[in-house]
Amino acid sequence: MGIFISVDDIDKTSSKDVENESSGLIQLDNDPSYQLEDVYEIRMKAMTIHEAQTLLKCSIELSQRLIRAYHAYQYPPVVTFEELKSLFALSVTEQNSDICVACLKIFGRNGSCYIQEVILALILLNNHDWEERLSVIYDLFVCIGTEEMYREDIQLLLYSAGSAMGKVWGVDPPHIQLTALSEHLADLAAVKLEKDLEEGISKEEFIQWAISRFKSSKIVANTEYLMKIYGSQ
């Protein structure tokens, strides 16, 4: 039995590869030259940016499974395409496979991507209430071993949010400006929570601070707001 992909996922196929064309499916022969990587590449090239953006709006349960695997198997911050596919393979469904292709399309740069940016975007773009989303975000960036977040974790979260959503909307955020902004906001978070810069922040405290930052400002989905952050970009 061959590997099936939709006719919408590819541009051209040879007639020998088509079986039961009326069904809308194409079967690839059981030829060793047809590797899984080839199917991913075909699907990624055929997928439009809009299709990829739409697929990123997935369930929060998938994000939770990805986070558990990310921590359990100690994936590096920057992963290759193969490593990203292996992470998604831990929660295999056909839909998750499509989401993985969409992530490769949106976040891939020179054969790699930042895993926390990928998972963070999936969390930010789903439709669950903000308290639940922020709870899952905390689990993604919490300092393993202490089970608390620190200023550096919040700075990384804010930088990752700006960078990830910039890639989703096709805006390349300037590194220096985004770094300065995320560091400034991380300092303000500590001040608002009346914390020392080196003091740990609990999940409840993080949600208390972050709910207004992410929900009220519409930082996630508002392209105009992103453009203001990124200045002339």
C-alpha atoms as a PDB file:
ATOM      1  CA  MET A   1       0.000   0.000   0.000  1.00  0.00           C
ATOM      2  CA  GLY A   2       1.483   3.337  -1.025  1.00  0.00           C
ATOM      3  CA  ILE A   3       1.516   6.736   0.659  1.00  0.00           C
ATOM      4  CA  PHE A   4      -1.539   8.828  -0.178  1.00  0.00           C
ATOM      5  CA  ILE A   5      -1.583  12.594  -0.622  1.00  0.00           C
ATOM      6  CA  SER A   6      -4.271  14.895  -1.942  1.00  0.00           C
ATOM      7  CA  VAL A   7      -4.083  16.097  -5.531  1.00  0.00           C
ATOM      8  CA  ASP A   8      -4.266  19.631  -4.143  1.00  0.00           C
ATOM      9  CA  ASP A   9      -0.880  19.107  -2.474  1.00  0.00           C
ATOM     10  CA  ILE A  10       1.212  18.721  -5.606  1.00  0.00           C
ATOM     11  CA  ASP A  11       1.675  20.505  -8.895  1.00  0.00           C
ATOM     12  CA  LYS A  12       2.544  17.672 -11.271  1.00  0.00           C
ATOM     13  CA  THR A  13       2.600  13.896 -11.239  1.00  0.00           C
ATOM     14  CA  SER A  14       3.450  11.343 -13.842  1.00  0.00           C
ATOM     15  CA  SER A  15       0.642   9.223 -15.224  1.00  0.00           C
ATOM     16  CA  LYS A  16       2.115   6.026 -13.760  1.00  0.00           C
ATOM     17  CA  ASP A  17       1.684   7.436 -10.262  1.00  0.00           C
ATOM     18  CA  VAL A  18      -2.034   8.085 -10.664  1.00  0.00           C
ATOM     19  CA  GLU A  19      -4.408   5.438  -9.494  1.00  0.00           C
ATOM     20  CA  ASN A  20      -8.179   5.929  -9.379  1.00  0.00           C
ATOM     21  CA  GLU A  21      -7.955   9.599 -10.361  1.00  0.00           C
ATOM     22  CA  SER A  22     -11.677  10.107  -9.867  1.00  0.00           C
ATOM     23  CA  SER A  23     -11.264   9.553  -6.120  1.00  0.00           C
ATOM     24  CA  GLY A  24      -9.185  12.720  -5.808  1.00  0.00           C
ATOM     25  CA  LEU A  25      -6.221  10.801  -4.413  1.00  0.00           C
ATOM     26  CA  ILE A  26      -2.815   9.989  -5.804  1.00  0.00           C
ATOM     27  CA  GLN A  27      -0.919   6.867  -4.795  1.00  0.00           C
ATOM     28  CA  LEU A  28       2.825   6.883  -4.876  1.00  0.00           C
ATOM     29  CA  ASP A  29       4.377   3.575  -5.897  1.00  0.00           C
ATOM     30  CA  ASN A  30       6.166   1.538  -3.265  1.00  0.00           C
ATOM     31  CA  ASP A  31       9.450   2.737  -4.677  1.00  0.00           C
ATOM     32  CA  PRO A  32      12.226   3.295  -2.097  1.00  0.00           C
ATOM     33  CA  SER A  33      12.942   6.642  -3.752  1.00  0.00           C
ATOM     34  CA  TYR A  34       9.636   7.940  -2.362  1.00  0.00           C
ATOM     35  CA  GLN A  35      10.674   8.841   1.170  1.00  0.00           C
ATOM     36  CA  LEU A  36       8.538  10.610   3.787  1.00  0.00           C
ATOM     37  CA  GLU A  37      10.768  13.659   3.460  1.00  0.00           C
ATOM     38  CA  ASP A  38       9.826  13.944  -0.215  1.00  0.00           C
ATOM     39  CA  VAL A  39       6.131  14.022   0.653  1.00  0.00           C
ATOM     40  CA  TYR A  40       6.711  16.782   3.235  1.00  0.00           C
ATOM     41  CA  GLU A  41       8.664  18.825   0.693  1.00  0.00           C
ATOM     42  CA  ILE A  42       5.971  18.413  -1.955  1.00  0.00           C
ATOM     43  CA  ARG A  43       3.227  19.418   0.450  1.00  0.00           C
ATOM     44  CA  MET A  44       5.202  22.390   1.810  1.00  0.00           C
ATOM     45  CA  LYS A  45       5.921  23.767  -1.671  1.00  0.00           C
ATOM     46  CA  ALA A  46       2.279  23.374  -2.706  1.00  0.00           C
ATOM     47  CA  MET A  47       0.844  24.908   0.466  1.00  0.00           C
ATOM     48  CA  THR A  48       0.011  28.601   0.252  1.00  0.00           C
ATOM     49  CA  ILE A  49       0.884  31.008   3.064  1.00  0.00           C
ATOM     50  CA  HIS A  50      -2.823  31.533   3.744  1.00  0.00           C
ATOM     51  CA  GLU A  51      -3.406  27.776   4.057  1.00  0.00           C
ATOM     52  CA  ALA A  52      -0.455  27.521   6.433  1.00  0.00           C
ATOM     53  CA  GLN A  53      -1.727  30.418   8.560  1.00  0.00           C
ATOM     54  CA  THR A  54      -5.149  28.783   8.807  1.00  0.00           C
ATOM     55  CA  LEU A  55      -3.685  25.435   9.890  1.00  0.00           C
ATOM     56  CA  LEU A  56      -1.803  27.099  12.758  1.00  0.00           C
ATOM     57  CA  LYS A  57      -5.134  27.699  14.507  1.00  0.00           C
ATOM     58  CA  CYS A  58      -5.302  24.267  16.129  1.00  0.00           C
ATOM     59  CA  SER A  59      -6.299  22.761  19.478  1.00  0.00           C
ATOM     60  CA  ILE A  60      -4.531  23.685  22.671  1.00  0.00           C
ATOM     61  CA  GLU A  61      -4.278  19.970  23.480  1.00  0.00           C
ATOM     62  CA  LEU A  62      -1.785  19.557  20.635  1.00  0.00           C
ATOM     63  CA  SER A  63       0.338  22.363  22.088  1.00  0.00           C
ATOM     64  CA  GLN A  64       0.263  20.676  25.491  1.00  0.00           C
ATOM     65  CA  ARG A  65       1.434  17.369  24.003  1.00  0.00           C
ATOM     66  CA  LEU A  66       4.216  19.136  22.101  1.00  0.00           C
ATOM     67  CA  ILE A  67       5.384  20.882  25.284  1.00  0.00           C
ATOM     68  CA  ARG A  68       5.477  17.626  27.238  1.00  0.00           C
ATOM     69  CA  ALA A  69       7.527  15.975  24.494  1.00  0.00           C
ATOM     70  CA  TYR A  70       9.766  19.060  24.142  1.00  0.00           C
ATOM     71  CA  HIS A  71      10.699  18.892  27.836  1.00  0.00           C
ATOM     72  CA  ALA A  72      10.730  15.098  28.179  1.00  0.00           C
ATOM     73  CA  TYR A  73      13.041  14.508  25.224  1.00  0.00           C
ATOM     74  CA  GLN A  74      15.081  17.689  25.827  1.00  0.00           C
ATOM     75  CA  TYR A  75      14.893  19.109  22.326  1.00  0.00           C
ATOM     76  CA  PRO A  76      17.345  21.966  21.664  1.00  0.00           C
ATOM     77  CA  PRO A  77      15.979  25.533  21.272  1.00  0.00           C
ATOM     78  CA  VAL A  78      16.828  25.500  17.554  1.00  0.00           C
ATOM     79  CA  VAL A  79      15.682  22.359  15.759  1.00  0.00           C
ATOM     80  CA  THR A  80      16.194  21.035  12.267  1.00  0.00           C
ATOM     81  CA  PHE A  81      13.233  20.163  10.088  1.00  0.00           C
ATOM     82  CA  GLU A  82      13.823  16.499  10.886  1.00  0.00           C
ATOM     83  CA  GLU A  83      13.718  17.195  14.628  1.00  0.00           C
ATOM     84  CA  LEU A  84      10.527  19.232  14.287  1.00  0.00           C
ATOM     85  CA  LYS A  85       8.895  16.403  12.330  1.00  0.00           C
ATOM     86  CA  SER A  86       9.974  13.908  14.988  1.00  0.00           C
ATOM     87  CA  LEU A  87       8.408  16.105  17.699  1.00  0.00           C
ATOM     88  CA  PHE A  88       5.097  16.216  15.827  1.00  0.00           C
ATOM     89  CA  ALA A  89       5.333  12.479  15.150  1.00  0.00           C
ATOM     90  CA  LEU A  90       4.940  11.857  18.889  1.00  0.00           C
ATOM     91  CA  SER A  91       1.275  12.874  18.503  1.00  0.00           C
ATOM     92  CA  VAL A  92       0.582  11.505  15.036  1.00  0.00           C
ATOM     93  CA  THR A  93      -2.628  12.216  13.195  1.00  0.00           C
ATOM     94  CA  GLU A  94      -3.060  13.298   9.600  1.00  0.00           C
ATOM     95  CA  GLN A  95      -4.171  16.732  10.789  1.00  0.00           C
ATOM     96  CA  ASN A  96      -1.069  17.117  12.960  1.00  0.00           C
ATOM     97  CA  SER A  97       1.029  16.178   9.942  1.00  0.00           C
ATOM     98  CA  ASP A  98      -0.551  19.051   8.005  1.00  0.00           C
ATOM     99  CA  ILE A  99       0.115  21.418  10.919  1.00  0.00           C
ATOM    100  CA  CYS A 100       3.767  20.345  10.939  1.00  0.00           C
ATOM    101  CA  VAL A 101       4.033  21.159   7.230  1.00  0.00           C
ATOM    102  CA  ALA A 102       2.439  24.571   7.919  1.00  0.00           C
ATOM    103  CA  CYS A 103       4.992  25.233  10.685  1.00  0.00           C
ATOM    104  CA  LEU A 104       7.845  24.338   8.346  1.00  0.00           C
ATOM    105  CA  LYS A 105       6.376  26.737   5.775  1.00  0.00           C
ATOM    106  CA  ILE A 106       5.948  29.667   8.166  1.00  0.00           C
ATOM    107  CA  PHE A 107       8.846  29.342  10.611  1.00  0.00           C
ATOM    108  CA  GLY A 108      11.536  27.523   8.662  1.00  0.00           C
ATOM    109  CA  ARG A 109      14.714  29.491   8.034  1.00  0.00           C
ATOM    110  CA  ASN A 110      17.760  27.861   6.414  1.00  0.00           C
ATOM    111  CA  GLY A 111      16.653  24.355   7.353  1.00  0.00           C
ATOM    112  CA  SER A 112      15.842  25.062  10.997  1.00  0.00           C
ATOM    113  CA  CYS A 113      13.424  26.888  13.297  1.00  0.00           C
ATOM    114  CA  TYR A 114      13.042  27.981  16.920  1.00  0.00           C
ATOM    115  CA  ILE A 115      10.882  25.353  18.593  1.00  0.00           C
ATOM    116  CA  GLN A 116       9.503  27.693  21.275  1.00  0.00           C
ATOM    117  CA  GLU A 117       8.388  30.150  18.582  1.00  0.00           C
ATOM    118  CA  VAL A 118       6.531  27.367  16.788  1.00  0.00           C
ATOM    119  CA  ILE A 119       4.692  26.079  19.867  1.00  0.00           C
ATOM    120  CA  LEU A 120       4.027  29.602  21.174  1.00  0.00           C
ATOM    121  CA  ALA A 121       2.365  30.629  17.906  1.00  0.00           C
ATOM    122  CA  LEU A 122       0.126  27.552  18.032  1.00  0.00           C
ATOM    123  CA  ILE A 123      -0.961  28.538  21.552  1.00  0.00           C
ATOM    124  CA  LEU A 124      -1.509  32.218  20.791  1.00  0.00           C
ATOM    125  CA  LEU A 125      -3.580  31.579  17.687  1.00  0.00           C
ATOM    126  CA  ASN A 126      -6.078  29.092  19.111  1.00  0.00           C
ATOM    127  CA  ASN A 127      -9.494  30.098  20.428  1.00  0.00           C
ATOM    128  CA  HIS A 128      -9.293  28.951  24.045  1.00  0.00           C
ATOM    129  CA  ASP A 129      -9.751  31.529  26.811  1.00  0.00           C
ATOM    130  CA  TRP A 130      -6.705  33.588  27.678  1.00  0.00           C
ATOM    131  CA  GLU A 131      -6.238  32.186  31.165  1.00  0.00           C
ATOM    132  CA  GLU A 132      -5.847  28.684  29.717  1.00  0.00           C
ATOM    133  CA  ARG A 133      -3.552  29.848  26.919  1.00  0.00           C
ATOM    134  CA  LEU A 134      -1.316  31.736  29.338  1.00  0.00           C
ATOM    135  CA  SER A 135      -1.174  28.736  31.661  1.00  0.00           C
ATOM    136  CA  VAL A 136       0.136  26.610  28.787  1.00  0.00           C
ATOM    137  CA  ILE A 137       2.578  29.359  27.757  1.00  0.00           C
ATOM    138  CA  TYR A 138       3.934  29.365  31.300  1.00  0.00           C
ATOM    139  CA  ASP A 139       4.556  25.612  31.020  1.00  0.00           C
ATOM    140  CA  LEU A 140       6.500  26.221  27.793  1.00  0.00           C
ATOM    141  CA  PHE A 141       8.849  28.866  29.237  1.00  0.00           C
ATOM    142  CA  VAL A 142       9.049  27.840  32.909  1.00  0.00           C
ATOM    143  CA  CYS A 143      12.542  27.279  34.247  1.00  0.00           C
ATOM    144  CA  ILE A 144      12.860  23.494  34.498  1.00  0.00           C
ATOM    145  CA  GLY A 145      13.930  22.456  37.989  1.00  0.00           C
ATOM    146  CA  THR A 146      12.520  25.498  39.795  1.00  0.00           C
ATOM    147  CA  GLU A 147       8.994  25.431  38.287  1.00  0.00           C
ATOM    148  CA  GLU A 148       9.035  29.226  38.261  1.00  0.00           C
ATOM    149  CA  MET A 149       9.610  31.867  35.611  1.00  0.00           C
ATOM    150  CA  TYR A 150      12.305  34.514  35.877  1.00  0.00           C
ATOM    151  CA  ARG A 151      12.923  37.824  34.171  1.00  0.00           C
ATOM    152  CA  GLU A 152      15.012  36.118  31.465  1.00  0.00           C
ATOM    153  CA  ASP A 153      12.172  33.679  30.758  1.00  0.00           C
ATOM    154  CA  ILE A 154       9.659  36.504  30.355  1.00  0.00           C
ATOM    155  CA  GLN A 155      12.074  38.384  28.095  1.00  0.00           C
ATOM    156  CA  LEU A 156      12.493  35.268  25.947  1.00  0.00           C
ATOM    157  CA  LEU A 157       8.711  34.772  25.855  1.00  0.00           C
ATOM    158  CA  LEU A 158       8.109  38.348  24.711  1.00  0.00           C
ATOM    159  CA  TYR A 159      10.850  38.198  22.101  1.00  0.00           C
ATOM    160  CA  SER A 160       9.565  34.869  20.840  1.00  0.00           C
ATOM    161  CA  ALA A 161       5.997  36.207  20.634  1.00  0.00           C
ATOM    162  CA  GLY A 162       7.071  39.195  18.538  1.00  0.00           C
ATOM    163  CA  SER A 163       9.322  37.113  16.308  1.00  0.00           C
ATOM    164  CA  ALA A 164       6.790  34.285  15.874  1.00  0.00           C
ATOM    165  CA  MET A 165       3.833  36.509  15.059  1.00  0.00           C
ATOM    166  CA  GLY A 166       5.985  38.576  12.745  1.00  0.00           C
ATOM    167  CA  LYS A 167       6.723  35.426  10.747  1.00  0.00           C
ATOM    168  CA  VAL A 168       3.037  34.454  10.772  1.00  0.00           C
ATOM    169  CA  TRP A 169       2.048  37.810   9.264  1.00  0.00           C
ATOM    170  CA  GLY A 170       5.047  38.034   6.954  1.00  0.00           C
ATOM    171  CA  VAL A 171       6.844  40.825   8.844  1.00  0.00           C
ATOM    172  CA  ASP A 172      10.524  40.448   9.713  1.00  0.00           C
ATOM    173  CA  PRO A 173      10.964  42.173  13.086  1.00  0.00           C
ATOM    174  CA  PRO A 174      14.278  44.016  13.549  1.00  0.00           C
ATOM    175  CA  HIS A 175      16.332  42.066  16.090  1.00  0.00           C
ATOM    176  CA  ILE A 176      17.753  45.056  17.998  1.00  0.00           C
ATOM    177  CA  GLN A 177      14.393  46.807  18.385  1.00  0.00           C
ATOM    178  CA  LEU A 178      12.576  43.638  19.386  1.00  0.00           C
ATOM    179  CA  THR A 179      15.293  42.737  21.913  1.00  0.00           C
ATOM    180  CA  ALA A 180      15.138  46.190  23.515  1.00  0.00           C
ATOM    181  CA  LEU A 181      11.332  46.112  23.647  1.00  0.00           C
ATOM    182  CA  SER A 182      11.175  42.635  25.205  1.00  0.00           C
ATOM    183  CA  GLU A 183      13.815  43.500  27.812  1.00  0.00           C
ATOM    184  CA  HIS A 184      11.968  46.699  28.735  1.00  0.00           C
ATOM    185  CA  LEU A 185       8.624  44.894  29.100  1.00  0.00           C
ATOM    186  CA  ALA A 186      10.238  42.124  31.172  1.00  0.00           C
ATOM    187  CA  ASP A 187      11.591  44.777  33.563  1.00  0.00           C
ATOM    188  CA  LEU A 188       8.137  46.380  33.788  1.00  0.00           C
ATOM    189  CA  ALA A 189       6.601  42.986  34.583  1.00  0.00           C
ATOM    190  CA  ALA A 190       8.881  42.628  37.605  1.00  0.00           C
ATOM    191  CA  VAL A 191       8.021  46.158  38.745  1.00  0.00           C
ATOM    192  CA  LYS A 192       4.279  45.603  38.371  1.00  0.00           C
ATOM    193  CA  LEU A 193       4.471  42.334  40.304  1.00  0.00           C
ATOM    194  CA  GLU A 194       6.685  44.000  42.924  1.00  0.00           C
ATOM    195  CA  LYS A 195       9.410  41.456  42.324  1.00  0.00           C
ATOM    196  CA  ASP A 196      13.167  41.620  42.414  1.00  0.00           C
ATOM    197  CA  LEU A 197      14.627  41.122  38.935  1.00  0.00           C
ATOM    198  CA  GLU A 198      16.166  37.860  40.175  1.00  0.00           C
ATOM    199  CA  GLU A 199      13.054  36.665  41.995  1.00  0.00           C
ATOM    200  CA  GLY A 200      10.922  33.791  40.671  1.00  0.00           C
ATOM    201  CA  ILE A 201       7.390  34.344  39.349  1.00  0.00           C
ATOM    202  CA  SER A 202       4.622  31.804  39.945  1.00  0.00           C
ATOM    203  CA  LYS A 203       2.062  30.775  37.328  1.00  0.00           C
ATOM    204  CA  GLU A 204      -0.681  32.759  39.082  1.00  0.00           C
ATOM    205  CA  GLU A 205       1.485  35.886  39.167  1.00  0.00           C
ATOM    206  CA  PHE A 206       2.443  35.457  35.522  1.00  0.00           C
ATOM    207  CA  ILE A 207      -1.188  35.164  34.406  1.00  0.00           C
ATOM    208  CA  GLN A 208      -2.106  38.181  36.548  1.00  0.00           C
ATOM    209  CA  TRP A 209       0.480  40.260  34.676  1.00  0.00           C
ATOM    210  CA  ALA A 210       0.164  38.744  31.207  1.00  0.00           C
ATOM    211  CA  ILE A 211      -3.618  38.782  30.832  1.00  0.00           C
ATOM    212  CA  SER A 212      -3.702  42.516  30.132  1.00  0.00           C
ATOM    213  CA  ARG A 213      -0.536  42.447  28.047  1.00  0.00           C
ATOM    214  CA  PHE A 214      -1.789  39.775  25.655  1.00  0.00           C
ATOM    215  CA  LYS A 215      -5.576  40.132  25.795  1.00  0.00           C
ATOM    216  CA  SER A 216      -6.208  43.860  26.032  1.00  0.00           C
ATOM    217  CA  SER A 217      -3.479  45.035  23.660  1.00  0.00           C
ATOM    218  CA  LYS A 218      -4.445  42.480  20.969  1.00  0.00           C
ATOM    219  CA  ILE A 219      -0.722  41.959  20.412  1.00  0.00           C
ATOM    220  CA  VAL A 220      -1.305  38.569  18.864  1.00  0.00           C
ATOM    221  CA  ALA A 221      -3.697  39.085  15.971  1.00  0.00           C
ATOM    222  CA  ASN A 222      -3.567  42.803  15.289  1.00  0.00           C
ATOM    223  CA  THR A 223      -1.312  43.356  12.291  1.00  0.00           C
ATOM    224  CA  GLU A 224      -1.519  47.131  12.689  1.00  0.00           C
ATOM    225  CA  TYR A 225      -0.197  46.837  16.238  1.00  0.00           C
ATOM    226  CA  LEU A 226       2.661  44.661  15.041  1.00  0.00           C
ATOM    227  CA  MET A 227       3.526  47.232  12.384  1.00  0.00           C
ATOM    228  CA  LYS A 228       3.687  49.938  15.063  1.00  0.00           C
ATOM    229  CA  ILE A 229       6.077  47.803  17.092  1.00  0.00           C
ATOM    230  CA  TYR A 230       8.296  47.134  14.097  1.00  0.00           C
ATOM    231  CA  GLY A 231       8.366  50.760  12.995  1.00  0.00           C
ATOM    232  CA  SER A 232       9.139  51.193   9.335  1.00  0.00           C
ATOM    233  CA  GLN A 233       9.305  47.462   8.563  1.00  0.00           C
END
